Amino acid sequence: MNWTEQMDFFQEFFKGKTVEEIEAWFAKNASDVNGRPLKADSKNEKDQEKYAKLTETEKEALVDVVAGATMSIRDNHGDILGAIKDAYKNRVEIKK
């Protein structure tokens, strides 16, 4: 899956959520090591510990996320969450 397809997935996945909801989702469901959605088969001990704290329902939901996108949402290469925050902060009302 290429970058554009993964961004399209995240765009749809985050649609309708507030910035705070997206940040809360990220804090709970993404790796603190690499910013990617958590996966059951992670080799990283910290990711395994974080994943183990999720409910079965949350783990099942992550399977769908990982099927749609596995790229990092925030790491040394980029900060998608920061871009979402900035876009929201700089939004302008469109008058009809």
PDB file of N, CA and C in Angstrom:
ATOM      1  N   MET A   1       0.843  -1.171   0.000  1.00  0.00           N
ATOM      2  CA  MET A   1       0.000   0.000   0.000  1.00  0.00           C
ATOM      3  C   MET A   1       0.896   1.244   0.000  1.00  0.00           C
ATOM      4  N   ASN A   2       0.605   2.201  -0.863  1.00  0.00           N
ATOM      5  CA  ASN A   2       1.464   3.384  -0.945  1.00  0.00           C
ATOM      6  C   ASN A   2       1.020   4.469   0.039  1.00  0.00           C
ATOM      7  N   TRP A   3       1.823   5.512   0.124  1.00  0.00           N
ATOM      8  CA  TRP A   3       1.597   6.601   1.067  1.00  0.00           C
ATOM      9  C   TRP A   3       0.232   7.239   0.854  1.00  0.00           C
ATOM     10  N   THR A   4      -0.124   7.514  -0.389  1.00  0.00           N
ATOM     11  CA  THR A   4      -1.384   8.183  -0.699  1.00  0.00           C
ATOM     12  C   THR A   4      -2.572   7.345  -0.242  1.00  0.00           C
ATOM     13  N   GLU A   5      -2.533   6.061  -0.493  1.00  0.00           N
ATOM     14  CA  GLU A   5      -3.631   5.182  -0.072  1.00  0.00           C
ATOM     15  C   GLU A   5      -3.752   5.153   1.454  1.00  0.00           C
ATOM     16  N   GLN A   6      -2.629   5.144   2.133  1.00  0.00           N
ATOM     17  CA  GLN A   6      -2.663   5.140   3.591  1.00  0.00           C
ATOM     18  C   GLN A   6      -3.180   6.473   4.133  1.00  0.00           C
ATOM     19  N   MET A   7      -2.780   7.572   3.523  1.00  0.00           N
ATOM     20  CA  MET A   7      -3.293   8.886   3.946  1.00  0.00           C
ATOM     21  C   MET A   7      -4.800   8.957   3.702  1.00  0.00           C
ATOM     22  N   ASP A   8      -5.247   8.429   2.563  1.00  0.00           N
ATOM     23  CA  ASP A   8      -6.685   8.402   2.286  1.00  0.00           C
ATOM     24  C   ASP A   8      -7.422   7.618   3.370  1.00  0.00           C
ATOM     25  N   PHE A   9      -6.825   6.483   3.791  1.00  0.00           N
ATOM     26  CA  PHE A   9      -7.449   5.688   4.849  1.00  0.00           C
ATOM     27  C   PHE A   9      -7.547   6.499   6.135  1.00  0.00           C
ATOM     28  N   PHE A  10      -6.437   7.118   6.554  1.00  0.00           N
ATOM     29  CA  PHE A  10      -6.461   7.894   7.792  1.00  0.00           C
ATOM     30  C   PHE A  10      -7.442   9.061   7.687  1.00  0.00           C
ATOM     31  N   GLN A  11      -7.527   9.680   6.526  1.00  0.00           N
ATOM     32  CA  GLN A  11      -8.469  10.785   6.350  1.00  0.00           C
ATOM     33  C   GLN A  11      -9.891  10.304   6.617  1.00  0.00           C
ATOM     34  N   GLU A  12     -10.261   9.189   6.056  1.00  0.00           N
ATOM     35  CA  GLU A  12     -11.603   8.638   6.283  1.00  0.00           C
ATOM     36  C   GLU A  12     -11.769   8.183   7.732  1.00  0.00           C
ATOM     37  N   PHE A  13     -10.746   7.554   8.280  1.00  0.00           N
ATOM     38  CA  PHE A  13     -10.813   7.041   9.645  1.00  0.00           C
ATOM     39  C   PHE A  13     -10.987   8.174  10.662  1.00  0.00           C
ATOM     40  N   PHE A  14     -10.320   9.297  10.444  1.00  0.00           N
ATOM     41  CA  PHE A  14     -10.381  10.412  11.384  1.00  0.00           C
ATOM     42  C   PHE A  14     -11.551  11.354  11.117  1.00  0.00           C
ATOM     43  N   LYS A  15     -12.237  11.199  10.011  1.00  0.00           N
ATOM     44  CA  LYS A  15     -13.349  12.081   9.660  1.00  0.00           C
ATOM     45  C   LYS A  15     -14.400  12.058  10.763  1.00  0.00           C
ATOM     46  N   GLY A  16     -14.833  13.256  11.161  1.00  0.00           N
ATOM     47  CA  GLY A  16     -15.864  13.381  12.188  1.00  0.00           C
ATOM     48  C   GLY A  16     -15.334  13.390  13.607  1.00  0.00           C
ATOM     49  N   LYS A  17     -14.036  13.186  13.779  1.00  0.00           N
ATOM     50  CA  LYS A  17     -13.434  13.187  15.113  1.00  0.00           C
ATOM     51  C   LYS A  17     -12.830  14.559  15.391  1.00  0.00           C
ATOM     52  N   THR A  18     -12.845  14.957  16.644  1.00  0.00           N
ATOM     53  CA  THR A  18     -12.191  16.203  17.036  1.00  0.00           C
ATOM     54  C   THR A  18     -10.683  15.961  17.120  1.00  0.00           C
ATOM     55  N   VAL A  19      -9.933  17.043  17.173  1.00  0.00           N
ATOM     56  CA  VAL A  19      -8.484  16.929  17.326  1.00  0.00           C
ATOM     57  C   VAL A  19      -8.173  16.181  18.621  1.00  0.00           C
ATOM     58  N   GLU A  20      -8.914  16.487  19.679  1.00  0.00           N
ATOM     59  CA  GLU A  20      -8.691  15.823  20.964  1.00  0.00           C
ATOM     60  C   GLU A  20      -8.977  14.323  20.862  1.00  0.00           C
ATOM     61  N   GLU A  21     -10.016  13.945  20.145  1.00  0.00           N
ATOM     62  CA  GLU A  21     -10.336  12.527  19.970  1.00  0.00           C
ATOM     63  C   GLU A  21      -9.248  11.804  19.178  1.00  0.00           C
ATOM     64  N   ILE A  22      -8.728  12.468  18.160  1.00  0.00           N
ATOM     65  CA  ILE A  22      -7.659  11.860  17.361  1.00  0.00           C
ATOM     66  C   ILE A  22      -6.398  11.693  18.214  1.00  0.00           C
ATOM     67  N   GLU A  23      -6.058  12.719  18.984  1.00  0.00           N
ATOM     68  CA  GLU A  23      -4.874  12.625  19.848  1.00  0.00           C
ATOM     69  C   GLU A  23      -5.052  11.536  20.903  1.00  0.00           C
ATOM     70  N   ALA A  24      -6.253  11.409  21.460  1.00  0.00           N
ATOM     71  CA  ALA A  24      -6.511  10.358  22.455  1.00  0.00           C
ATOM     72  C   ALA A  24      -6.400   8.978  21.806  1.00  0.00           C
ATOM     73  N   TRP A  25      -6.929   8.844  20.586  1.00  0.00           N
ATOM     74  CA  TRP A  25      -6.823   7.566  19.866  1.00  0.00           C
ATOM     75  C   TRP A  25      -5.347   7.230  19.648  1.00  0.00           C
ATOM     76  N   PHE A  26      -4.583   8.209  19.196  1.00  0.00           N
ATOM     77  CA  PHE A  26      -3.159   8.001  18.939  1.00  0.00           C
ATOM     78  C   PHE A  26      -2.428   7.583  20.214  1.00  0.00           C
ATOM     79  N   ALA A  27      -2.686   8.283  21.310  1.00  0.00           N
ATOM     80  CA  ALA A  27      -2.001   7.985  22.575  1.00  0.00           C
ATOM     81  C   ALA A  27      -2.272   6.555  23.028  1.00  0.00           C
ATOM     82  N   LYS A  28      -3.460   6.064  22.771  1.00  0.00           N
ATOM     83  CA  LYS A  28      -3.834   4.728  23.242  1.00  0.00           C
ATOM     84  C   LYS A  28      -3.479   3.628  22.250  1.00  0.00           C
ATOM     85  N   ASN A  29      -3.537   3.912  20.957  1.00  0.00           N
ATOM     86  CA  ASN A  29      -3.471   2.876  19.923  1.00  0.00           C
ATOM     87  C   ASN A  29      -2.253   2.903  19.023  1.00  0.00           C
ATOM     88  N   ALA A  30      -1.336   3.827  19.252  1.00  0.00           N
ATOM     89  CA  ALA A  30      -0.148   3.913  18.405  1.00  0.00           C
ATOM     90  C   ALA A  30       1.111   3.713  19.237  1.00  0.00           C
ATOM     91  N   SER A  31       2.129   3.231  18.593  1.00  0.00           N
ATOM     92  CA  SER A  31       3.412   2.964  19.236  1.00  0.00           C
ATOM     93  C   SER A  31       4.059   4.252  19.724  1.00  0.00           C
ATOM     94  N   ASP A  32       4.566   4.215  20.948  1.00  0.00           N
ATOM     95  CA  ASP A  32       5.340   5.339  21.459  1.00  0.00           C
ATOM     96  C   ASP A  32       6.750   5.328  20.873  1.00  0.00           C
ATOM     97  N   VAL A  33       7.112   4.229  20.246  1.00  0.00           N
ATOM     98  CA  VAL A  33       8.437   4.066  19.671  1.00  0.00           C
ATOM     99  C   VAL A  33       8.500   4.623  18.252  1.00  0.00           C
ATOM    100  N   ASN A  34       7.506   4.276  17.416  1.00  0.00           N
ATOM    101  CA  ASN A  34       7.580   4.673  16.003  1.00  0.00           C
ATOM    102  C   ASN A  34       6.325   5.366  15.467  1.00  0.00           C
ATOM    103  N   GLY A  35       5.310   5.589  16.298  1.00  0.00           N
ATOM    104  CA  GLY A  35       4.120   6.324  15.874  1.00  0.00           C
ATOM    105  C   GLY A  35       3.175   5.563  14.969  1.00  0.00           C
ATOM    106  N   ARG A  36       3.410   4.274  14.774  1.00  0.00           N
ATOM    107  CA  ARG A  36       2.538   3.454  13.922  1.00  0.00           C
ATOM    108  C   ARG A  36       1.433   2.826  14.769  1.00  0.00           C
ATOM    109  N   PRO A  37       0.290   2.495  14.147  1.00  0.00           N
ATOM    110  CA  PRO A  37      -0.738   1.775  14.892  1.00  0.00           C
ATOM    111  C   PRO A  37      -0.156   0.488  15.479  1.00  0.00           C
ATOM    112  N   LEU A  38      -0.565   0.177  16.700  1.00  0.00           N
ATOM    113  CA  LEU A  38      -0.069  -1.030  17.366  1.00  0.00           C
ATOM    114  C   LEU A  38      -0.516  -2.283  16.629  1.00  0.00           C
ATOM    115  N   LYS A  39       0.335  -3.310  16.670  1.00  0.00           N
ATOM    116  CA  LYS A  39       0.025  -4.598  16.047  1.00  0.00           C
ATOM    117  C   LYS A  39       0.295  -5.714  17.040  1.00  0.00           C
ATOM    118  N   ALA A  40      -0.488  -6.770  16.943  1.00  0.00           N
ATOM    119  CA  ALA A  40      -0.363  -7.905  17.857  1.00  0.00           C
ATOM    120  C   ALA A  40       1.013  -8.551  17.774  1.00  0.00           C
ATOM    121  N   ASP A  41       1.622  -8.540  16.603  1.00  0.00           N
ATOM    122  CA  ASP A  41       2.889  -9.254  16.416  1.00  0.00           C
ATOM    123  C   ASP A  41       4.127  -8.357  16.521  1.00  0.00           C
ATOM    124  N   SER A  42       3.978  -7.223  17.180  1.00  0.00           N
ATOM    125  CA  SER A  42       5.116  -6.319  17.347  1.00  0.00           C
ATOM    126  C   SER A  42       6.254  -7.014  18.087  1.00  0.00           C
ATOM    127  N   LYS A  43       7.449  -6.750  17.672  1.00  0.00           N
ATOM    128  CA  LYS A  43       8.640  -7.305  18.321  1.00  0.00           C
ATOM    129  C   LYS A  43       9.137  -6.394  19.453  1.00  0.00           C
ATOM    130  N   ASN A  44       8.603  -5.172  19.510  1.00  0.00           N
ATOM    131  CA  ASN A  44       9.044  -4.206  20.508  1.00  0.00           C
ATOM    132  C   ASN A  44       8.328  -4.457  21.837  1.00  0.00           C
ATOM    133  N   GLU A  45       9.098  -4.564  22.903  1.00  0.00           N
ATOM    134  CA  GLU A  45       8.549  -4.876  24.226  1.00  0.00           C
ATOM    135  C   GLU A  45       7.567  -3.800  24.709  1.00  0.00           C
ATOM    136  N   LYS A  46       7.900  -2.525  24.497  1.00  0.00           N
ATOM    137  CA  LYS A  46       7.006  -1.437  24.928  1.00  0.00           C
ATOM    138  C   LYS A  46       5.685  -1.489  24.169  1.00  0.00           C
ATOM    139  N   ASP A  47       5.757  -1.769  22.878  1.00  0.00           N
ATOM    140  CA  ASP A  47       4.527  -1.898  22.092  1.00  0.00           C
ATOM    141  C   ASP A  47       3.698  -3.086  22.555  1.00  0.00           C
ATOM    142  N   GLN A  48       4.352  -4.181  22.879  1.00  0.00           N
ATOM    143  CA  GLN A  48       3.641  -5.368  23.364  1.00  0.00           C
ATOM    144  C   GLN A  48       2.912  -5.061  24.670  1.00  0.00           C
ATOM    145  N   GLU A  49       3.571  -4.341  25.576  1.00  0.00           N
ATOM    146  CA  GLU A  49       2.958  -3.973  26.849  1.00  0.00           C
ATOM    147  C   GLU A  49       1.751  -3.066  26.634  1.00  0.00           C
ATOM    148  N   LYS A  50       1.892  -2.088  25.756  1.00  0.00           N
ATOM    149  CA  LYS A  50       0.798  -1.164  25.480  1.00  0.00           C
ATOM    150  C   LYS A  50      -0.367  -1.899  24.819  1.00  0.00           C
ATOM    151  N   TYR A  51      -0.072  -2.760  23.882  1.00  0.00           N
ATOM    152  CA  TYR A  51      -1.097  -3.539  23.180  1.00  0.00           C
ATOM    153  C   TYR A  51      -1.849  -4.443  24.160  1.00  0.00           C
ATOM    154  N   ALA A  52      -1.150  -5.037  25.100  1.00  0.00           N
ATOM    155  CA  ALA A  52      -1.757  -5.955  26.070  1.00  0.00           C
ATOM    156  C   ALA A  52      -2.795  -5.262  26.952  1.00  0.00           C
ATOM    157  N   LYS A  53      -2.674  -3.954  27.127  1.00  0.00           N
ATOM    158  CA  LYS A  53      -3.609  -3.195  27.960  1.00  0.00           C
ATOM    159  C   LYS A  53      -4.935  -2.903  27.247  1.00  0.00           C
ATOM    160  N   LEU A  54      -4.985  -3.108  25.934  1.00  0.00           N
ATOM    161  CA  LEU A  54      -6.209  -2.839  25.171  1.00  0.00           C
ATOM    162  C   LEU A  54      -7.245  -3.933  25.417  1.00  0.00           C
ATOM    163  N   THR A  55      -8.519  -3.563  25.279  1.00  0.00           N
ATOM    164  CA  THR A  55      -9.584  -4.556  25.367  1.00  0.00           C
ATOM    165  C   THR A  55      -9.605  -5.370  24.081  1.00  0.00           C
ATOM    166  N   GLU A  56     -10.299  -6.479  24.098  1.00  0.00           N
ATOM    167  CA  GLU A  56     -10.417  -7.303  22.891  1.00  0.00           C
ATOM    168  C   GLU A  56     -11.089  -6.519  21.768  1.00  0.00           C
ATOM    169  N   THR A  57     -12.077  -5.714  22.097  1.00  0.00           N
ATOM    170  CA  THR A  57     -12.762  -4.884  21.091  1.00  0.00           C
ATOM    171  C   THR A  57     -11.801  -3.882  20.470  1.00  0.00           C
ATOM    172  N   GLU A  58     -10.970  -3.262  21.300  1.00  0.00           N
ATOM    173  CA  GLU A  58      -9.983  -2.299  20.788  1.00  0.00           C
ATOM    174  C   GLU A  58      -8.957  -2.996  19.908  1.00  0.00           C
ATOM    175  N   LYS A  59      -8.550  -4.192  20.298  1.00  0.00           N
ATOM    176  CA  LYS A  59      -7.594  -4.959  19.493  1.00  0.00           C
ATOM    177  C   LYS A  59      -8.199  -5.317  18.139  1.00  0.00           C
ATOM    178  N   GLU A  60      -9.469  -5.713  18.134  1.00  0.00           N
ATOM    179  CA  GLU A  60     -10.145  -6.045  16.874  1.00  0.00           C
ATOM    180  C   GLU A  60     -10.239  -4.815  15.969  1.00  0.00           C
ATOM    181  N   ALA A  61     -10.523  -3.658  16.549  1.00  0.00           N
ATOM    182  CA  ALA A  61     -10.603  -2.419  15.768  1.00  0.00           C
ATOM    183  C   ALA A  61      -9.247  -2.076  15.155  1.00  0.00           C
ATOM    184  N   LEU A  62      -8.166  -2.349  15.878  1.00  0.00           N
ATOM    185  CA  LEU A  62      -6.830  -2.066  15.349  1.00  0.00           C
ATOM    186  C   LEU A  62      -6.490  -2.952  14.160  1.00  0.00           C
ATOM    187  N   VAL A  63      -7.025  -4.165  14.123  1.00  0.00           N
ATOM    188  CA  VAL A  63      -6.794  -5.041  12.969  1.00  0.00           C
ATOM    189  C   VAL A  63      -7.301  -4.349  11.708  1.00  0.00           C
ATOM    190  N   ASP A  64      -8.472  -3.710  11.792  1.00  0.00           N
ATOM    191  CA  ASP A  64      -9.020  -2.978  10.647  1.00  0.00           C
ATOM    192  C   ASP A  64      -8.157  -1.781  10.279  1.00  0.00           C
ATOM    193  N   VAL A  65      -7.657  -1.081  11.288  1.00  0.00           N
ATOM    194  CA  VAL A  65      -6.790   0.079  11.021  1.00  0.00           C
ATOM    195  C   VAL A  65      -5.526  -0.370  10.309  1.00  0.00           C
ATOM    196  N   VAL A  66      -4.874  -1.389  10.847  1.00  0.00           N
ATOM    197  CA  VAL A  66      -3.610  -1.871  10.266  1.00  0.00           C
ATOM    198  C   VAL A  66      -3.834  -2.410   8.853  1.00  0.00           C
ATOM    199  N   ALA A  67      -5.012  -2.939   8.582  1.00  0.00           N
ATOM    200  CA  ALA A  67      -5.315  -3.395   7.221  1.00  0.00           C
ATOM    201  C   ALA A  67      -5.387  -2.210   6.258  1.00  0.00           C
ATOM    202  N   GLY A  68      -5.741  -1.032   6.779  1.00  0.00           N
ATOM    203  CA  GLY A  68      -5.868   0.145   5.927  1.00  0.00           C
ATOM    204  C   GLY A  68      -4.632   1.015   5.873  1.00  0.00           C
ATOM    205  N   ALA A  69      -3.849   1.018   6.955  1.00  0.00           N
ATOM    206  CA  ALA A  69      -2.660   1.875   6.997  1.00  0.00           C
ATOM    207  C   ALA A  69      -1.737   1.429   8.118  1.00  0.00           C
ATOM    208  N   THR A  70      -0.462   1.377   7.813  1.00  0.00           N
ATOM    209  CA  THR A  70       0.527   1.016   8.830  1.00  0.00           C
ATOM    210  C   THR A  70       1.596   2.083   9.007  1.00  0.00           C
ATOM    211  N   MET A  71       1.512   3.159   8.253  1.00  0.00           N
ATOM    212  CA  MET A  71       2.554   4.179   8.349  1.00  0.00           C
ATOM    213  C   MET A  71       2.441   4.969   9.647  1.00  0.00           C
ATOM    214  N   SER A  72       3.518   5.590  10.011  1.00  0.00           N
ATOM    215  CA  SER A  72       3.577   6.368  11.235  1.00  0.00           C
ATOM    216  C   SER A  72       2.716   7.616  11.117  1.00  0.00           C
ATOM    217  N   ILE A  73       2.076   7.948  12.209  1.00  0.00           N
ATOM    218  CA  ILE A  73       1.266   9.153  12.278  1.00  0.00           C
ATOM    219  C   ILE A  73       2.090  10.301  12.862  1.00  0.00           C
ATOM    220  N   ARG A  74       3.114   9.936  13.651  1.00  0.00           N
ATOM    221  CA  ARG A  74       4.011  10.949  14.221  1.00  0.00           C
ATOM    222  C   ARG A  74       5.352  10.279  14.507  1.00  0.00           C
ATOM    223  N   ASP A  75       6.384  10.723  13.800  1.00  0.00           N
ATOM    224  CA  ASP A  75       7.740  10.233  14.038  1.00  0.00           C
ATOM    225  C   ASP A  75       8.740  11.263  13.531  1.00  0.00           C
ATOM    226  N   ASN A  76      10.000  10.890  13.416  1.00  0.00           N
ATOM    227  CA  ASN A  76      11.038  11.818  12.969  1.00  0.00           C
ATOM    228  C   ASN A  76      10.865  12.262  11.523  1.00  0.00           C
ATOM    229  N   HIS A  77      10.094  11.518  10.740  1.00  0.00           N
ATOM    230  CA  HIS A  77       9.899  11.848   9.328  1.00  0.00           C
ATOM    231  C   HIS A  77       8.718  12.780   9.080  1.00  0.00           C
ATOM    232  N   GLY A  78       7.815  12.867  10.030  1.00  0.00           N
ATOM    233  CA  GLY A  78       6.663  13.729   9.835  1.00  0.00           C
ATOM    234  C   GLY A  78       5.695  13.648  11.002  1.00  0.00           C
ATOM    235  N   ASP A  79       4.803  14.611  11.047  1.00  0.00           N
ATOM    236  CA  ASP A  79       3.848  14.718  12.144  1.00  0.00           C
ATOM    237  C   ASP A  79       2.461  14.986  11.572  1.00  0.00           C
ATOM    238  N   ILE A  80       1.771  13.924  11.219  1.00  0.00           N
ATOM    239  CA  ILE A  80       0.429  14.061  10.659  1.00  0.00           C
ATOM    240  C   ILE A  80      -0.512  14.672  11.695  1.00  0.00           C
ATOM    241  N   LEU A  81      -0.377  14.270  12.954  1.00  0.00           N
ATOM    242  CA  LEU A  81      -1.237  14.839  13.996  1.00  0.00           C
ATOM    243  C   LEU A  81      -1.009  16.332  14.146  1.00  0.00           C
ATOM    244  N   GLY A  82       0.241  16.744  14.081  1.00  0.00           N
ATOM    245  CA  GLY A  82       0.549  18.172  14.151  1.00  0.00           C
ATOM    246  C   GLY A  82      -0.066  18.932  12.986  1.00  0.00           C
ATOM    247  N   ALA A  83      -0.035  18.327  11.808  1.00  0.00           N
ATOM    248  CA  ALA A  83      -0.625  18.966  10.628  1.00  0.00           C
ATOM    249  C   ALA A  83      -2.141  19.096  10.783  1.00  0.00           C
ATOM    250  N   ILE A  84      -2.780  18.072  11.347  1.00  0.00           N
ATOM    251  CA  ILE A  84      -4.230  18.130  11.585  1.00  0.00           C
ATOM    252  C   ILE A  84      -4.542  19.247  12.577  1.00  0.00           C
ATOM    253  N   LYS A  85      -3.763  19.330  13.662  1.00  0.00           N
ATOM    254  CA  LYS A  85      -3.958  20.385  14.662  1.00  0.00           C
ATOM    255  C   LYS A  85      -3.809  21.768  14.044  1.00  0.00           C
ATOM    256  N   ASP A  86      -2.748  21.944  13.253  1.00  0.00           N
ATOM    257  CA  ASP A  86      -2.512  23.242  12.616  1.00  0.00           C
ATOM    258  C   ASP A  86      -3.626  23.594  11.648  1.00  0.00           C
ATOM    259  N   ALA A  87      -4.071  22.626  10.874  1.00  0.00           N
ATOM    260  CA  ALA A  87      -5.156  22.875   9.918  1.00  0.00           C
ATOM    261  C   ALA A  87      -6.426  23.299  10.651  1.00  0.00           C
ATOM    262  N   TYR A  88      -6.725  22.639  11.755  1.00  0.00           N
ATOM    263  CA  TYR A  88      -7.920  22.985  12.515  1.00  0.00           C
ATOM    264  C   TYR A  88      -7.789  24.374  13.123  1.00  0.00           C
ATOM    265  N   LYS A  89      -6.612  24.664  13.685  1.00  0.00           N
ATOM    266  CA  LYS A  89      -6.369  25.970  14.300  1.00  0.00           C
ATOM    267  C   LYS A  89      -6.473  27.087  13.273  1.00  0.00           C
ATOM    268  N   ASN A  90      -6.067  26.830  12.032  1.00  0.00           N
ATOM    269  CA  ASN A  90      -6.048  27.855  10.989  1.00  0.00           C
ATOM    270  C   ASN A  90      -7.277  27.827  10.082  1.00  0.00           C
ATOM    271  N   ARG A  91      -8.307  27.064  10.473  1.00  0.00           N
ATOM    272  CA  ARG A  91      -9.504  26.955   9.632  1.00  0.00           C
ATOM    273  C   ARG A  91     -10.182  28.311   9.495  1.00  0.00           C
ATOM    274  N   VAL A  92     -10.892  28.488   8.406  1.00  0.00           N
ATOM    275  CA  VAL A  92     -11.605  29.710   8.121  1.00  0.00           C
ATOM    276  C   VAL A  92     -13.031  29.355   7.732  1.00  0.00           C
ATOM    277  N   GLU A  93     -13.979  30.084   8.257  1.00  0.00           N
ATOM    278  CA  GLU A  93     -15.368  29.832   7.917  1.00  0.00           C
ATOM    279  C   GLU A  93     -15.622  30.252   6.475  1.00  0.00           C
ATOM    280  N   ILE A  94     -16.340  29.404   5.762  1.00  0.00           N
ATOM    281  CA  ILE A  94     -16.703  29.706   4.377  1.00  0.00           C
ATOM    282  C   ILE A  94     -18.123  30.229   4.386  1.00  0.00           C
ATOM    283  N   LYS A  95     -18.285  31.435   3.867  1.00  0.00           N
ATOM    284  CA  LYS A  95     -19.622  32.053   3.842  1.00  0.00           C
ATOM    285  C   LYS A  95     -20.273  31.730   2.511  1.00  0.00           C
ATOM    286  N   LYS A  96     -21.540  31.429   2.582  1.00  0.00           N
ATOM    287  CA  LYS A  96     -22.292  31.102   1.353  1.00  0.00           C
ATOM    288  C   LYS A  96     -22.828  32.333   0.693  1.00  0.00           C
TER     289      LYS A  96
END
